Amino acid sequence: MSDNILEREEPRSLIERRTILKGAAWSVPIILATAAVPAHAASNVDVGAFTLNGTCGTLGLIGPGFLLQAGPTAPLPVGTVVTVTGTGVANIGVFSVSGGTASVVVLTNRSRQITLTSALPAGATIAFRTTLSISVAFTLSAVATLPEGYVATGAKSAGTVNSTLVLCSAS
């Protein structure tokens, strides 16, 4: 046997420790910056100046209630909730919906929760009317709440209807 066998050294494929430390050092600020920003902060959609107004209706023809109108440039999203509460009567009646689609849930005899089940197009109006007569003394108050991830710059999100047996006022 010959002693002329050359020993060959295999090339190292190991990554140097410095390379790993450099990569880790650069990734720490990125991870910290990402963790500091809430996930929902960048996802708010502004639906603009929608309005919720009370309406007295027309005695004997159309019941009192509320008109919800989307702003001029953006629709109101599915899941927008209008909560109606009443005082002065034992029951605020049955609410109907026209001009859009929404579900009405009876929370108590004096409160209802109305939820949009389809978006209300920009500029469109949906009406929520009760079977109460304005010849009865009562007050109805309503507040609109947008789903998470939506804001409304310049919106009027509350309305009222006041009836005094003779007069009705709404805002």
C-alpha atoms as a PDB file:
ATOM      1  CA  MET A   1       0.000   0.000   0.000  1.00  0.00           C
ATOM      2  CA  SER A   2       1.156   3.355  -0.779  1.00  0.00           C
ATOM      3  CA  ASP A   3       1.439   6.313   1.534  1.00  0.00           C
ATOM      4  CA  ASN A   4       0.639   8.665  -1.323  1.00  0.00           C
ATOM      5  CA  ILE A   5      -3.049   8.985  -0.459  1.00  0.00           C
ATOM      6  CA  LEU A   6      -3.996  12.603  -0.284  1.00  0.00           C
ATOM      7  CA  GLU A   7      -6.373  13.617   2.386  1.00  0.00           C
ATOM      8  CA  ARG A   8      -8.967  16.000   1.123  1.00  0.00           C
ATOM      9  CA  GLU A   9     -10.677  18.412   3.491  1.00  0.00           C
ATOM     10  CA  GLU A  10     -14.394  18.883   2.853  1.00  0.00           C
ATOM     11  CA  PRO A  11     -15.485  22.518   2.508  1.00  0.00           C
ATOM     12  CA  ARG A  12     -17.333  23.834   5.522  1.00  0.00           C
ATOM     13  CA  SER A  13     -20.986  24.572   4.986  1.00  0.00           C
ATOM     14  CA  LEU A  14     -21.549  25.842   8.483  1.00  0.00           C
ATOM     15  CA  ILE A  15     -22.825  29.374   8.879  1.00  0.00           C
ATOM     16  CA  GLU A  16     -20.629  31.539  11.003  1.00  0.00           C
ATOM     17  CA  ARG A  17     -21.956  32.712  14.328  1.00  0.00           C
ATOM     18  CA  ARG A  18     -21.494  36.379  13.305  1.00  0.00           C
ATOM     19  CA  THR A  19     -23.873  35.945  10.362  1.00  0.00           C
ATOM     20  CA  ILE A  20     -26.601  34.594  12.643  1.00  0.00           C
ATOM     21  CA  LEU A  21     -26.122  37.389  15.169  1.00  0.00           C
ATOM     22  CA  LYS A  22     -26.297  40.061  12.445  1.00  0.00           C
ATOM     23  CA  GLY A  23     -29.574  38.640  11.111  1.00  0.00           C
ATOM     24  CA  ALA A  24     -31.071  38.473  14.601  1.00  0.00           C
ATOM     25  CA  ALA A  25     -30.012  42.037  15.386  1.00  0.00           C
ATOM     26  CA  TRP A  26     -31.737  43.382  12.254  1.00  0.00           C
ATOM     27  CA  SER A  27     -34.982  41.474  12.841  1.00  0.00           C
ATOM     28  CA  VAL A  28     -35.570  42.649  16.450  1.00  0.00           C
ATOM     29  CA  PRO A  29     -36.599  46.250  15.544  1.00  0.00           C
ATOM     30  CA  ILE A  30     -38.954  44.971  12.844  1.00  0.00           C
ATOM     31  CA  ILE A  31     -40.647  42.538  15.238  1.00  0.00           C
ATOM     32  CA  LEU A  32     -40.990  45.229  17.929  1.00  0.00           C
ATOM     33  CA  ALA A  33     -42.427  47.772  15.476  1.00  0.00           C
ATOM     34  CA  THR A  34     -44.976  45.266  14.204  1.00  0.00           C
ATOM     35  CA  ALA A  35     -46.043  44.266  17.718  1.00  0.00           C
ATOM     36  CA  ALA A  36     -46.583  47.896  18.760  1.00  0.00           C
ATOM     37  CA  VAL A  37     -49.276  48.589  16.110  1.00  0.00           C
ATOM     38  CA  PRO A  38     -52.704  47.034  16.823  1.00  0.00           C
ATOM     39  CA  ALA A  39     -54.022  44.918  13.969  1.00  0.00           C
ATOM     40  CA  HIS A  40     -57.234  46.956  13.606  1.00  0.00           C
ATOM     41  CA  ALA A  41     -55.567  50.397  13.660  1.00  0.00           C
ATOM     42  CA  ALA A  42     -54.959  50.521   9.928  1.00  0.00           C
ATOM     43  CA  SER A  43     -58.267  48.941   8.949  1.00  0.00           C
ATOM     44  CA  ASN A  44     -60.757  51.668  10.008  1.00  0.00           C
ATOM     45  CA  VAL A  45     -63.072  52.612   7.148  1.00  0.00           C
ATOM     46  CA  ASP A  46     -64.660  56.075   7.303  1.00  0.00           C
ATOM     47  CA  VAL A  47     -68.309  55.916   6.207  1.00  0.00           C
ATOM     48  CA  GLY A  48     -68.649  59.693   6.452  1.00  0.00           C
ATOM     49  CA  ALA A  49     -71.529  61.829   7.654  1.00  0.00           C
ATOM     50  CA  PHE A  50     -74.507  59.497   7.933  1.00  0.00           C
ATOM     51  CA  THR A  51     -77.610  60.739   9.801  1.00  0.00           C
ATOM     52  CA  LEU A  52     -80.174  59.207  12.136  1.00  0.00           C
ATOM     53  CA  ASN A  53     -83.278  61.382  12.514  1.00  0.00           C
ATOM     54  CA  GLY A  54     -86.549  60.924  14.324  1.00  0.00           C
ATOM     55  CA  THR A  55     -89.759  61.311  12.353  1.00  0.00           C
ATOM     56  CA  CYS A  56     -93.309  61.839  13.588  1.00  0.00           C
ATOM     57  CA  GLY A  57     -94.863  60.105  10.609  1.00  0.00           C
ATOM     58  CA  THR A  58     -98.367  61.030   9.499  1.00  0.00           C
ATOM     59  CA  LEU A  59    -101.286  60.516  11.895  1.00  0.00           C
ATOM     60  CA  GLY A  60    -103.306  57.524  10.754  1.00  0.00           C
ATOM     61  CA  LEU A  61    -101.050  56.784   7.758  1.00  0.00           C
ATOM     62  CA  ILE A  62     -97.400  56.345   8.714  1.00  0.00           C
ATOM     63  CA  GLY A  63     -96.185  55.636  12.231  1.00  0.00           C
ATOM     64  CA  PRO A  64     -93.452  57.530  14.020  1.00  0.00           C
ATOM     65  CA  GLY A  65     -89.900  56.217  14.004  1.00  0.00           C
ATOM     66  CA  PHE A  66     -86.483  56.898  12.548  1.00  0.00           C
ATOM     67  CA  LEU A  67     -84.813  57.521   9.209  1.00  0.00           C
ATOM     68  CA  LEU A  68     -81.236  56.301   8.805  1.00  0.00           C
ATOM     69  CA  GLN A  69     -79.474  57.832   5.807  1.00  0.00           C
ATOM     70  CA  ALA A  70     -76.032  56.779   4.597  1.00  0.00           C
ATOM     71  CA  GLY A  71     -73.535  59.544   3.889  1.00  0.00           C
ATOM     72  CA  PRO A  72     -73.154  60.841   0.335  1.00  0.00           C
ATOM     73  CA  THR A  73     -69.946  58.982  -0.497  1.00  0.00           C
ATOM     74  CA  ALA A  74     -69.913  55.659   1.388  1.00  0.00           C
ATOM     75  CA  PRO A  75     -72.427  52.940   2.240  1.00  0.00           C
ATOM     76  CA  LEU A  76     -73.343  51.979   5.791  1.00  0.00           C
ATOM     77  CA  PRO A  77     -72.013  48.475   6.420  1.00  0.00           C
ATOM     78  CA  VAL A  78     -73.846  45.275   7.270  1.00  0.00           C
ATOM     79  CA  GLY A  79     -73.960  44.977  11.052  1.00  0.00           C
ATOM     80  CA  THR A  80     -74.746  48.644  11.720  1.00  0.00           C
ATOM     81  CA  VAL A  81     -77.041  48.607  14.770  1.00  0.00           C
ATOM     82  CA  VAL A  82     -79.766  51.070  15.746  1.00  0.00           C
ATOM     83  CA  THR A  83     -80.953  50.669  19.338  1.00  0.00           C
ATOM     84  CA  VAL A  84     -84.358  52.227  20.055  1.00  0.00           C
ATOM     85  CA  THR A  85     -85.626  52.834  23.600  1.00  0.00           C
ATOM     86  CA  GLY A  86     -88.918  54.313  24.689  1.00  0.00           C
ATOM     87  CA  THR A  87     -90.428  55.950  27.762  1.00  0.00           C
ATOM     88  CA  GLY A  88     -93.980  56.954  28.665  1.00  0.00           C
ATOM     89  CA  VAL A  89     -95.620  53.782  27.310  1.00  0.00           C
ATOM     90  CA  ALA A  90     -95.672  50.141  28.383  1.00  0.00           C
ATOM     91  CA  ASN A  91     -94.683  48.909  24.900  1.00  0.00           C
ATOM     92  CA  ILE A  92     -93.085  50.808  22.002  1.00  0.00           C
ATOM     93  CA  GLY A  93     -94.906  48.678  19.432  1.00  0.00           C
ATOM     94  CA  VAL A  94     -93.862  46.637  16.435  1.00  0.00           C
ATOM     95  CA  PHE A  95     -91.203  48.157  14.156  1.00  0.00           C
ATOM     96  CA  SER A  96     -91.317  47.787  10.391  1.00  0.00           C
ATOM     97  CA  VAL A  97     -88.412  48.324   8.003  1.00  0.00           C
ATOM     98  CA  SER A  98     -88.649  49.897   4.541  1.00  0.00           C
ATOM     99  CA  GLY A  99     -86.087  51.062   2.031  1.00  0.00           C
ATOM    100  CA  GLY A 100     -83.503  48.407   2.916  1.00  0.00           C
ATOM    101  CA  THR A 101     -83.062  45.162   4.802  1.00  0.00           C
ATOM    102  CA  ALA A 102     -82.648  44.838   8.549  1.00  0.00           C
ATOM    103  CA  SER A 103     -83.594  42.503  11.363  1.00  0.00           C
ATOM    104  CA  VAL A 104     -85.601  43.754  14.346  1.00  0.00           C
ATOM    105  CA  VAL A 105     -85.093  42.092  17.728  1.00  0.00           C
ATOM    106  CA  VAL A 106     -87.283  42.807  20.763  1.00  0.00           C
ATOM    107  CA  LEU A 107     -84.932  43.358  23.704  1.00  0.00           C
ATOM    108  CA  THR A 108     -87.653  44.423  26.171  1.00  0.00           C
ATOM    109  CA  ASN A 109     -91.137  45.942  25.861  1.00  0.00           C
ATOM    110  CA  ARG A 110     -89.439  49.339  25.668  1.00  0.00           C
ATOM    111  CA  SER A 111     -86.387  48.592  23.524  1.00  0.00           C
ATOM    112  CA  ARG A 112     -85.597  47.209  20.088  1.00  0.00           C
ATOM    113  CA  GLN A 113     -82.358  46.387  18.301  1.00  0.00           C
ATOM    114  CA  ILE A 114     -82.400  46.925  14.534  1.00  0.00           C
ATOM    115  CA  THR A 115     -79.412  45.545  12.594  1.00  0.00           C
ATOM    116  CA  LEU A 116     -78.664  46.140   8.916  1.00  0.00           C
ATOM    117  CA  THR A 117     -78.500  42.769   7.141  1.00  0.00           C
ATOM    118  CA  SER A 118     -77.286  44.321   3.880  1.00  0.00           C
ATOM    119  CA  ALA A 119     -75.255  47.460   3.265  1.00  0.00           C
ATOM    120  CA  LEU A 120     -77.199  50.702   2.877  1.00  0.00           C
ATOM    121  CA  PRO A 121     -75.884  52.349  -0.343  1.00  0.00           C
ATOM    122  CA  ALA A 122     -74.339  55.831  -0.217  1.00  0.00           C
ATOM    123  CA  GLY A 123     -77.093  58.459  -0.015  1.00  0.00           C
ATOM    124  CA  ALA A 124     -79.883  55.878   0.529  1.00  0.00           C
ATOM    125  CA  THR A 125     -82.388  56.007   3.402  1.00  0.00           C
ATOM    126  CA  ILE A 126     -83.922  53.181   5.412  1.00  0.00           C
ATOM    127  CA  ALA A 127     -86.979  53.793   7.628  1.00  0.00           C
ATOM    128  CA  PHE A 128     -87.805  52.126  10.954  1.00  0.00           C
ATOM    129  CA  ARG A 129     -91.404  52.845  11.994  1.00  0.00           C
ATOM    130  CA  THR A 130     -93.432  51.742  14.977  1.00  0.00           C
ATOM    131  CA  THR A 131     -97.123  50.985  15.301  1.00  0.00           C
ATOM    132  CA  LEU A 132     -97.397  53.544  18.131  1.00  0.00           C
ATOM    133  CA  SER A 133     -99.784  56.413  17.444  1.00  0.00           C
ATOM    134  CA  ILE A 134     -98.612  59.979  17.964  1.00  0.00           C
ATOM    135  CA  SER A 135    -101.931  60.531  19.802  1.00  0.00           C
ATOM    136  CA  VAL A 136    -100.240  58.847  22.790  1.00  0.00           C
ATOM    137  CA  ALA A 137     -97.605  60.590  24.948  1.00  0.00           C
ATOM    138  CA  PHE A 138     -94.186  58.953  24.606  1.00  0.00           C
ATOM    139  CA  THR A 139     -90.519  59.532  23.856  1.00  0.00           C
ATOM    140  CA  LEU A 140     -88.429  57.373  21.564  1.00  0.00           C
ATOM    141  CA  SER A 141     -84.649  57.654  21.450  1.00  0.00           C
ATOM    142  CA  ALA A 142     -82.352  55.885  19.005  1.00  0.00           C
ATOM    143  CA  VAL A 143     -78.588  55.511  18.714  1.00  0.00           C
ATOM    144  CA  ALA A 144     -76.701  54.062  15.732  1.00  0.00           C
ATOM    145  CA  THR A 145     -73.509  52.052  16.281  1.00  0.00           C
ATOM    146  CA  LEU A 146     -71.153  50.968  13.511  1.00  0.00           C
ATOM    147  CA  PRO A 147     -69.453  47.574  13.484  1.00  0.00           C
ATOM    148  CA  GLU A 148     -65.823  47.298  14.579  1.00  0.00           C
ATOM    149  CA  GLY A 149     -63.421  48.666  12.002  1.00  0.00           C
ATOM    150  CA  TYR A 150     -65.674  51.550  10.892  1.00  0.00           C
ATOM    151  CA  VAL A 151     -65.788  55.223  11.881  1.00  0.00           C
ATOM    152  CA  ALA A 152     -68.097  58.050  10.823  1.00  0.00           C
ATOM    153  CA  THR A 153     -66.622  61.523  10.553  1.00  0.00           C
ATOM    154  CA  GLY A 154     -69.308  64.189  10.957  1.00  0.00           C
ATOM    155  CA  ALA A 155     -72.163  61.726  11.560  1.00  0.00           C
ATOM    156  CA  LYS A 156     -75.387  62.402  13.464  1.00  0.00           C
ATOM    157  CA  SER A 157     -75.775  59.058  15.194  1.00  0.00           C
ATOM    158  CA  ALA A 158     -78.721  59.760  17.523  1.00  0.00           C
ATOM    159  CA  GLY A 159     -82.322  60.846  17.075  1.00  0.00           C
ATOM    160  CA  THR A 160     -85.506  61.346  19.120  1.00  0.00           C
ATOM    161  CA  VAL A 161     -89.261  61.468  18.710  1.00  0.00           C
ATOM    162  CA  ASN A 162     -91.437  63.185  21.384  1.00  0.00           C
ATOM    163  CA  SER A 163     -95.213  62.991  21.368  1.00  0.00           C
ATOM    164  CA  THR A 164     -97.405  64.903  23.854  1.00  0.00           C
ATOM    165  CA  LEU A 165    -100.920  63.716  22.825  1.00  0.00           C
ATOM    166  CA  VAL A 166    -101.287  66.881  20.738  1.00  0.00           C
ATOM    167  CA  LEU A 167     -97.875  67.726  19.352  1.00  0.00           C
ATOM    168  CA  CYS A 168     -95.043  65.644  17.982  1.00  0.00           C
ATOM    169  CA  SER A 169     -91.453  66.769  17.567  1.00  0.00           C
ATOM    170  CA  ALA A 170     -88.510  64.896  16.155  1.00  0.00           C
ATOM    171  CA  SER A 171     -84.812  65.424  15.758  1.00  0.00           C
END
